[in-house]
Structures are given as C-alpha cells and as structure tokens.
Amino acid sequence: MITDCPEPTPIPAEIQGRAAAELEALPHGSALAQVVVVSLNDRDKLRACRAIR
C-alpha cells in the first residue's frame, strides 16, 4: 500500500533539549504541555505512515 505522508519538520537537537527543559518547568496540566503531547503523537503517526510507504 502506497500512501502520501507529510514529512515531520526537523528540529535541531539543541532546540529539542531546550524545549524539553522548558516543558518540564511548566505547571502540571498546562495547556501548552497538552499541545506538545498531541504534537508528539502526530509526529509518531507520521513516522509510522512513512514506514509503510
């Protein structure tokens, strides 16, 4: 099965590290943290889609 999957936007390791530290500093249950979790789930779905191409 061939499918067209968008490519995840690459994020440099330095930015990923800074983002992780900032995410940890957010209050528990923050809206921004929830958005990040959804984005990570979407990224994982994109990777799975690319794997079946």
PDB file of N, CA and C in Angstrom:
ATOM      1  N   MET A   1       0.849  -1.180   0.000  1.00  0.00           N
ATOM      2  CA  MET A   1       0.000   0.000   0.000  1.00  0.00           C
ATOM      3  C   MET A   1       0.890   1.237   0.000  1.00  0.00           C
ATOM      4  N   ILE A   2       0.692   2.102  -0.971  1.00  0.00           N
ATOM      5  CA  ILE A   2       1.470   3.330  -1.057  1.00  0.00           C
ATOM      6  C   ILE A   2       0.589   4.475  -0.569  1.00  0.00           C
ATOM      7  N   THR A   3       1.176   5.309   0.264  1.00  0.00           N
ATOM      8  CA  THR A   3       0.443   6.439   0.807  1.00  0.00           C
ATOM      9  C   THR A   3       1.343   7.668   0.798  1.00  0.00           C
ATOM     10  N   ASP A   4       0.751   8.815   0.669  1.00  0.00           N
ATOM     11  CA  ASP A   4       1.498  10.064   0.757  1.00  0.00           C
ATOM     12  C   ASP A   4       1.439  10.547   2.192  1.00  0.00           C
ATOM     13  N   CYS A   5       2.594  10.670   2.792  1.00  0.00           N
ATOM     14  CA  CYS A   5       2.675  11.113   4.174  1.00  0.00           C
ATOM     15  C   CYS A   5       3.518  12.376   4.232  1.00  0.00           C
ATOM     16  N   PRO A   6       3.084  13.365   4.974  1.00  0.00           N
ATOM     17  CA  PRO A   6       3.923  14.540   5.130  1.00  0.00           C
ATOM     18  C   PRO A   6       5.166  14.195   5.936  1.00  0.00           C
ATOM     19  N   GLU A   7       6.231  14.910   5.692  1.00  0.00           N
ATOM     20  CA  GLU A   7       7.466  14.719   6.444  1.00  0.00           C
ATOM     21  C   GLU A   7       7.408  15.555   7.718  1.00  0.00           C
ATOM     22  N   PRO A   8       7.803  14.991   8.856  1.00  0.00           N
ATOM     23  CA  PRO A   8       7.869  15.810  10.066  1.00  0.00           C
ATOM     24  C   PRO A   8       8.924  16.907   9.880  1.00  0.00           C
ATOM     25  N   THR A   9       8.675  18.050  10.446  1.00  0.00           N
ATOM     26  CA  THR A   9       9.638  19.141  10.383  1.00  0.00           C
ATOM     27  C   THR A   9      10.810  18.805  11.289  1.00  0.00           C
ATOM     28  N   PRO A  10      12.033  18.825  10.747  1.00  0.00           N
ATOM     29  CA  PRO A  10      13.186  18.518  11.589  1.00  0.00           C
ATOM     30  C   PRO A  10      13.436  19.640  12.610  1.00  0.00           C
ATOM     31  N   ILE A  11      13.769  19.237  13.810  1.00  0.00           N
ATOM     32  CA  ILE A  11      14.074  20.194  14.877  1.00  0.00           C
ATOM     33  C   ILE A  11      15.462  19.857  15.398  1.00  0.00           C
ATOM     34  N   PRO A  12      16.376  20.830  15.370  1.00  0.00           N
ATOM     35  CA  PRO A  12      17.741  20.566  15.833  1.00  0.00           C
ATOM     36  C   PRO A  12      17.768  20.073  17.279  1.00  0.00           C
ATOM     37  N   ALA A  13      18.743  19.230  17.576  1.00  0.00           N
ATOM     38  CA  ALA A  13      18.864  18.636  18.919  1.00  0.00           C
ATOM     39  C   ALA A  13      18.957  19.699  20.013  1.00  0.00           C
ATOM     40  N   GLU A  14      19.646  20.784  19.744  1.00  0.00           N
ATOM     41  CA  GLU A  14      19.778  21.849  20.755  1.00  0.00           C
ATOM     42  C   GLU A  14      18.405  22.430  21.108  1.00  0.00           C
ATOM     43  N   ILE A  15      17.597  22.669  20.103  1.00  0.00           N
ATOM     44  CA  ILE A  15      16.252  23.209  20.339  1.00  0.00           C
ATOM     45  C   ILE A  15      15.393  22.178  21.058  1.00  0.00           C
ATOM     46  N   GLN A  16      15.524  20.905  20.688  1.00  0.00           N
ATOM     47  CA  GLN A  16      14.765  19.854  21.370  1.00  0.00           C
ATOM     48  C   GLN A  16      15.114  19.810  22.852  1.00  0.00           C
ATOM     49  N   GLY A  17      16.394  19.933  23.167  1.00  0.00           N
ATOM     50  CA  GLY A  17      16.829  19.918  24.563  1.00  0.00           C
ATOM     51  C   GLY A  17      16.282  21.099  25.345  1.00  0.00           C
ATOM     52  N   ARG A  18      16.352  22.266  24.741  1.00  0.00           N
ATOM     53  CA  ARG A  18      15.814  23.462  25.409  1.00  0.00           C
ATOM     54  C   ARG A  18      14.311  23.335  25.607  1.00  0.00           C
ATOM     55  N   ALA A  19      13.620  22.831  24.589  1.00  0.00           N
ATOM     56  CA  ALA A  19      12.165  22.676  24.682  1.00  0.00           C
ATOM     57  C   ALA A  19      11.796  21.692  25.793  1.00  0.00           C
ATOM     58  N   ALA A  20      12.556  20.613  25.907  1.00  0.00           N
ATOM     59  CA  ALA A  20      12.280  19.622  26.953  1.00  0.00           C
ATOM     60  C   ALA A  20      12.433  20.247  28.339  1.00  0.00           C
ATOM     61  N   ALA A  21      13.483  21.038  28.515  1.00  0.00           N
ATOM     62  CA  ALA A  21      13.698  21.691  29.817  1.00  0.00           C
ATOM     63  C   ALA A  21      12.571  22.677  30.116  1.00  0.00           C
ATOM     64  N   GLU A  22      12.153  23.432  29.115  1.00  0.00           N
ATOM     65  CA  GLU A  22      11.068  24.389  29.314  1.00  0.00           C
ATOM     66  C   GLU A  22       9.749  23.674  29.604  1.00  0.00           C
ATOM     67  N   LEU A  23       9.530  22.552  28.927  1.00  0.00           N
ATOM     68  CA  LEU A  23       8.313  21.773  29.155  1.00  0.00           C
ATOM     69  C   LEU A  23       8.264  21.257  30.588  1.00  0.00           C
ATOM     70  N   GLU A  24       9.396  20.795  31.081  1.00  0.00           N
ATOM     71  CA  GLU A  24       9.461  20.306  32.469  1.00  0.00           C
ATOM     72  C   GLU A  24       9.153  21.406  33.475  1.00  0.00           C
ATOM     73  N   ALA A  25       9.447  22.657  33.123  1.00  0.00           N
ATOM     74  CA  ALA A  25       9.235  23.778  34.037  1.00  0.00           C
ATOM     75  C   ALA A  25       7.783  24.251  34.076  1.00  0.00           C
ATOM     76  N   LEU A  26       6.969  23.790  33.131  1.00  0.00           N
ATOM     77  CA  LEU A  26       5.570  24.211  33.098  1.00  0.00           C
ATOM     78  C   LEU A  26       4.790  23.596  34.254  1.00  0.00           C
ATOM     79  N   PRO A  27       3.746  24.292  34.705  1.00  0.00           N
ATOM     80  CA  PRO A  27       2.908  23.712  35.754  1.00  0.00           C
ATOM     81  C   PRO A  27       2.200  22.454  35.255  1.00  0.00           C
ATOM     82  N   HIS A  28       1.958  21.526  36.159  1.00  0.00           N
ATOM     83  CA  HIS A  28       1.270  20.285  35.818  1.00  0.00           C
ATOM     84  C   HIS A  28      -0.079  20.607  35.190  1.00  0.00           C
ATOM     85  N   GLY A  29      -0.372  19.958  34.053  1.00  0.00           N
ATOM     86  CA  GLY A  29      -1.652  20.135  33.397  1.00  0.00           C
ATOM     87  C   GLY A  29      -1.755  21.378  32.533  1.00  0.00           C
ATOM     88  N   SER A  30      -0.628  22.037  32.247  1.00  0.00           N
ATOM     89  CA  SER A  30      -0.693  23.262  31.451  1.00  0.00           C
ATOM     90  C   SER A  30      -1.198  22.958  30.040  1.00  0.00           C
ATOM     91  N   ALA A  31      -1.876  23.922  29.454  1.00  0.00           N
ATOM     92  CA  ALA A  31      -2.394  23.767  28.099  1.00  0.00           C
ATOM     93  C   ALA A  31      -1.259  23.580  27.102  1.00  0.00           C
ATOM     94  N   LEU A  32      -0.173  24.299  27.279  1.00  0.00           N
ATOM     95  CA  LEU A  32       0.959  24.183  26.367  1.00  0.00           C
ATOM     96  C   LEU A  32       1.535  22.770  26.403  1.00  0.00           C
ATOM     97  N   ALA A  33       1.641  22.186  27.576  1.00  0.00           N
ATOM     98  CA  ALA A  33       2.145  20.811  27.687  1.00  0.00           C
ATOM     99  C   ALA A  33       1.221  19.844  26.948  1.00  0.00           C
ATOM    100  N   GLN A  34      -0.074  20.060  27.036  1.00  0.00           N
ATOM    101  CA  GLN A  34      -1.026  19.194  26.349  1.00  0.00           C
ATOM    102  C   GLN A  34      -0.873  19.301  24.834  1.00  0.00           C
ATOM    103  N   VAL A  35      -0.628  20.515  24.329  1.00  0.00           N
ATOM    104  CA  VAL A  35      -0.425  20.723  22.896  1.00  0.00           C
ATOM    105  C   VAL A  35       0.844  20.006  22.438  1.00  0.00           C
ATOM    106  N   VAL A  36       1.879  20.065  23.245  1.00  0.00           N
ATOM    107  CA  VAL A  36       3.136  19.387  22.901  1.00  0.00           C
ATOM    108  C   VAL A  36       2.918  17.881  22.821  1.00  0.00           C
ATOM    109  N   VAL A  37       2.189  17.319  23.752  1.00  0.00           N
ATOM    110  CA  VAL A  37       1.914  15.880  23.742  1.00  0.00           C
ATOM    111  C   VAL A  37       1.165  15.487  22.474  1.00  0.00           C
ATOM    112  N   VAL A  38       0.168  16.272  22.086  1.00  0.00           N
ATOM    113  CA  VAL A  38      -0.581  15.987  20.864  1.00  0.00           C
ATOM    114  C   VAL A  38       0.349  16.056  19.653  1.00  0.00           C
ATOM    115  N   SER A  39       1.219  17.053  19.626  1.00  0.00           N
ATOM    116  CA  SER A  39       2.167  17.200  18.519  1.00  0.00           C
ATOM    117  C   SER A  39       3.114  16.010  18.437  1.00  0.00           C
ATOM    118  N   LEU A  40       3.576  15.524  19.580  1.00  0.00           N
ATOM    119  CA  LEU A  40       4.463  14.357  19.585  1.00  0.00           C
ATOM    120  C   LEU A  40       3.730  13.117  19.085  1.00  0.00           C
ATOM    121  N   ASN A  41       2.478  12.984  19.461  1.00  0.00           N
ATOM    122  CA  ASN A  41       1.689  11.853  18.959  1.00  0.00           C
ATOM    123  C   ASN A  41       1.525  11.940  17.449  1.00  0.00           C
ATOM    124  N   ASP A  42       1.272  13.144  16.945  1.00  0.00           N
ATOM    125  CA  ASP A  42       1.160  13.332  15.499  1.00  0.00           C
ATOM    126  C   ASP A  42       2.467  12.981  14.800  1.00  0.00           C
ATOM    127  N   ARG A  43       3.581  13.369  15.389  1.00  0.00           N
ATOM    128  CA  ARG A  43       4.888  13.047  14.815  1.00  0.00           C
ATOM    129  C   ARG A  43       5.077  11.539  14.734  1.00  0.00           C
ATOM    130  N   ASP A  44       4.684  10.836  15.780  1.00  0.00           N
ATOM    131  CA  ASP A  44       4.815   9.385  15.786  1.00  0.00           C
ATOM    132  C   ASP A  44       3.939   8.746  14.704  1.00  0.00           C
ATOM    133  N   LYS A  45       2.753   9.295  14.498  1.00  0.00           N
ATOM    134  CA  LYS A  45       1.869   8.799  13.438  1.00  0.00           C
ATOM    135  C   LYS A  45       2.480   9.039  12.063  1.00  0.00           C
ATOM    136  N   LEU A  46       3.127  10.187  11.867  1.00  0.00           N
ATOM    137  CA  LEU A  46       3.797  10.477  10.604  1.00  0.00           C
ATOM    138  C   LEU A  46       4.928   9.477  10.358  1.00  0.00           C
ATOM    139  N   ARG A  47       5.688   9.174  11.386  1.00  0.00           N
ATOM    140  CA  ARG A  47       6.773   8.199  11.238  1.00  0.00           C
ATOM    141  C   ARG A  47       6.224   6.831  10.873  1.00  0.00           C
ATOM    142  N   ALA A  48       5.126   6.430  11.496  1.00  0.00           N
ATOM    143  CA  ALA A  48       4.519   5.139  11.177  1.00  0.00           C
ATOM    144  C   ALA A  48       4.002   5.135   9.744  1.00  0.00           C
ATOM    145  N   CYS A  49       3.432   6.225   9.322  1.00  0.00           N
ATOM    146  CA  CYS A  49       2.923   6.334   7.943  1.00  0.00           C
ATOM    147  C   CYS A  49       4.081   6.196   6.962  1.00  0.00           C
ATOM    148  N   ARG A  50       5.183   6.845   7.235  1.00  0.00           N
ATOM    149  CA  ARG A  50       6.339   6.771   6.346  1.00  0.00           C
ATOM    150  C   ARG A  50       6.898   5.356   6.308  1.00  0.00           C
ATOM    151  N   ALA A  51       6.794   4.634   7.408  1.00  0.00           N
ATOM    152  CA  ALA A  51       7.347   3.284   7.487  1.00  0.00           C
ATOM    153  C   ALA A  51       6.589   2.303   6.597  1.00  0.00           C
ATOM    154  N   ILE A  52       5.320   2.583   6.302  1.00  0.00           N
ATOM    155  CA  ILE A  52       4.542   1.662   5.480  1.00  0.00           C
ATOM    156  C   ILE A  52       4.509   2.057   4.012  1.00  0.00           C
ATOM    157  N   ARG A  53       5.166   3.161   3.670  1.00  0.00           N
ATOM    158  CA  ARG A  53       5.210   3.585   2.262  1.00  0.00           C
ATOM    159  C   ARG A  53       5.937   2.604   1.431  1.00  0.00           C
TER     160      ARG A  53
END
